[in-house]
Amino acid sequence: FKTFEGNMEILQTTGNITLKSGKPFVHLHINIADEECRSFGGHLNNAIISATFEGVMHVIDGEIDRKMNDHIGITLMNVCGIK
């Protein structure tokens, strides 16, 4: 985890919102730039946005949950049954 302070501009975010143990689970990647135009990217765990954030969501018909894959050791999206 890294913490960035100061004025940053969001350049791009991408990711998904699924269900994990029946609750919403947000998985986002972000790219930001500082006042010197240096760019940083990675997983977004927490953010405070001081003015606005403009984003686009694509909503699917159905729900995607996550299930633990013991072979890999992480929770993976279960997309079976999505229309």
Protein backbone atom coordinates (compact mmCIF):
# COMPACT_ATOMS: atom_id res chain seq x y z
CA PHE A 1 0.00 0.00 0.00
CA LYS A 2 1.17 3.52 -0.79
CA THR A 3 -0.31 6.82 0.29
CA PHE A 4 -0.26 9.85 -1.99
CA GLU A 5 -1.01 13.30 -0.65
CA GLY A 6 -1.51 16.61 -2.37
CA ASN A 7 -3.38 17.53 -5.51
CA MET A 8 -3.66 14.63 -7.92
CA GLU A 9 -5.63 14.23 -11.09
CA ILE A 10 -7.39 10.98 -11.91
CA LEU A 11 -6.35 9.96 -15.40
CA GLN A 12 -8.14 6.64 -15.61
CA THR A 13 -9.89 4.01 -13.52
CA THR A 14 -11.01 0.56 -14.54
CA GLY A 15 -12.34 -2.38 -12.62
CA ASN A 16 -15.51 -4.04 -11.46
CA ILE A 17 -18.03 -4.32 -8.65
CA THR A 18 -19.00 -7.89 -7.82
CA LEU A 19 -20.38 -9.69 -4.79
CA LYS A 20 -18.14 -11.35 -2.22
CA SER A 21 -19.85 -13.25 0.61
CA GLY A 22 -23.10 -11.56 -0.48
CA LYS A 23 -21.73 -8.01 -0.11
CA PRO A 24 -20.54 -5.55 -2.78
CA PHE A 25 -16.80 -5.93 -3.52
CA VAL A 26 -15.04 -3.15 -5.43
CA HIS A 27 -11.87 -3.98 -7.40
CA LEU A 28 -10.43 -0.86 -9.05
CA HIS A 29 -7.21 0.04 -10.80
CA ILE A 30 -6.31 3.71 -11.00
CA ASN A 31 -3.83 5.93 -12.76
CA ILE A 32 -3.19 9.39 -11.27
CA ALA A 33 -0.82 12.26 -11.98
CA ASP A 34 0.74 14.76 -9.59
CA GLU A 35 1.33 18.48 -10.16
CA GLU A 36 4.59 17.69 -12.00
CA CYS A 37 2.75 15.35 -14.41
CA ARG A 38 4.34 12.22 -12.92
CA SER A 39 2.00 9.29 -13.27
CA PHE A 40 1.33 6.56 -10.71
CA GLY A 41 -0.89 3.53 -10.96
CA GLY A 42 -2.10 0.46 -9.13
CA HIS A 43 -4.97 -0.87 -7.07
CA LEU A 44 -7.20 1.76 -5.47
CA ASN A 45 -7.94 0.84 -1.88
CA ASN A 46 -9.14 4.18 -0.49
CA ALA A 47 -9.49 7.72 -1.79
CA ILE A 48 -10.78 11.12 -0.79
CA ILE A 49 -12.04 13.10 -3.77
CA SER A 50 -12.25 16.81 -3.10
CA ALA A 51 -14.39 17.99 -6.01
CA THR A 52 -15.77 15.55 -8.58
CA PHE A 53 -15.10 12.19 -10.13
CA GLU A 54 -16.54 11.46 -13.55
CA GLY A 55 -16.99 7.80 -14.35
CA VAL A 56 -18.91 5.47 -16.62
CA MET A 57 -20.45 2.19 -15.47
CA HIS A 58 -21.57 -0.63 -17.69
CA VAL A 59 -24.31 -2.58 -15.93
CA ILE A 60 -24.94 -6.21 -16.83
CA ASP A 61 -28.15 -8.18 -16.41
CA GLY A 62 -27.42 -10.43 -13.45
CA GLU A 63 -25.01 -10.69 -10.56
CA ILE A 64 -21.38 -11.81 -10.48
CA ASP A 65 -20.08 -13.22 -7.26
CA ARG A 66 -16.60 -14.26 -6.23
CA LYS A 67 -15.66 -17.72 -5.09
CA MET A 68 -12.44 -18.87 -3.48
CA ASN A 69 -10.20 -20.85 -5.82
CA ASP A 70 -8.18 -23.02 -3.46
CA HIS A 71 -5.75 -24.02 -6.23
CA ILE A 72 -4.71 -20.38 -6.87
CA GLY A 73 -5.50 -19.02 -3.41
CA ILE A 74 -7.64 -16.02 -4.41
CA THR A 75 -11.32 -15.27 -4.94
CA LEU A 76 -12.21 -15.32 -8.64
CA MET A 77 -15.26 -13.98 -10.43
CA ASN A 78 -17.91 -16.62 -11.04
CA VAL A 79 -19.59 -15.61 -14.31
CA CYS A 80 -21.57 -18.81 -14.89
CA GLY A 81 -25.24 -18.12 -15.56
CA ILE A 82 -24.81 -14.47 -16.62
CA LYS A 83 -27.18 -13.54 -19.46
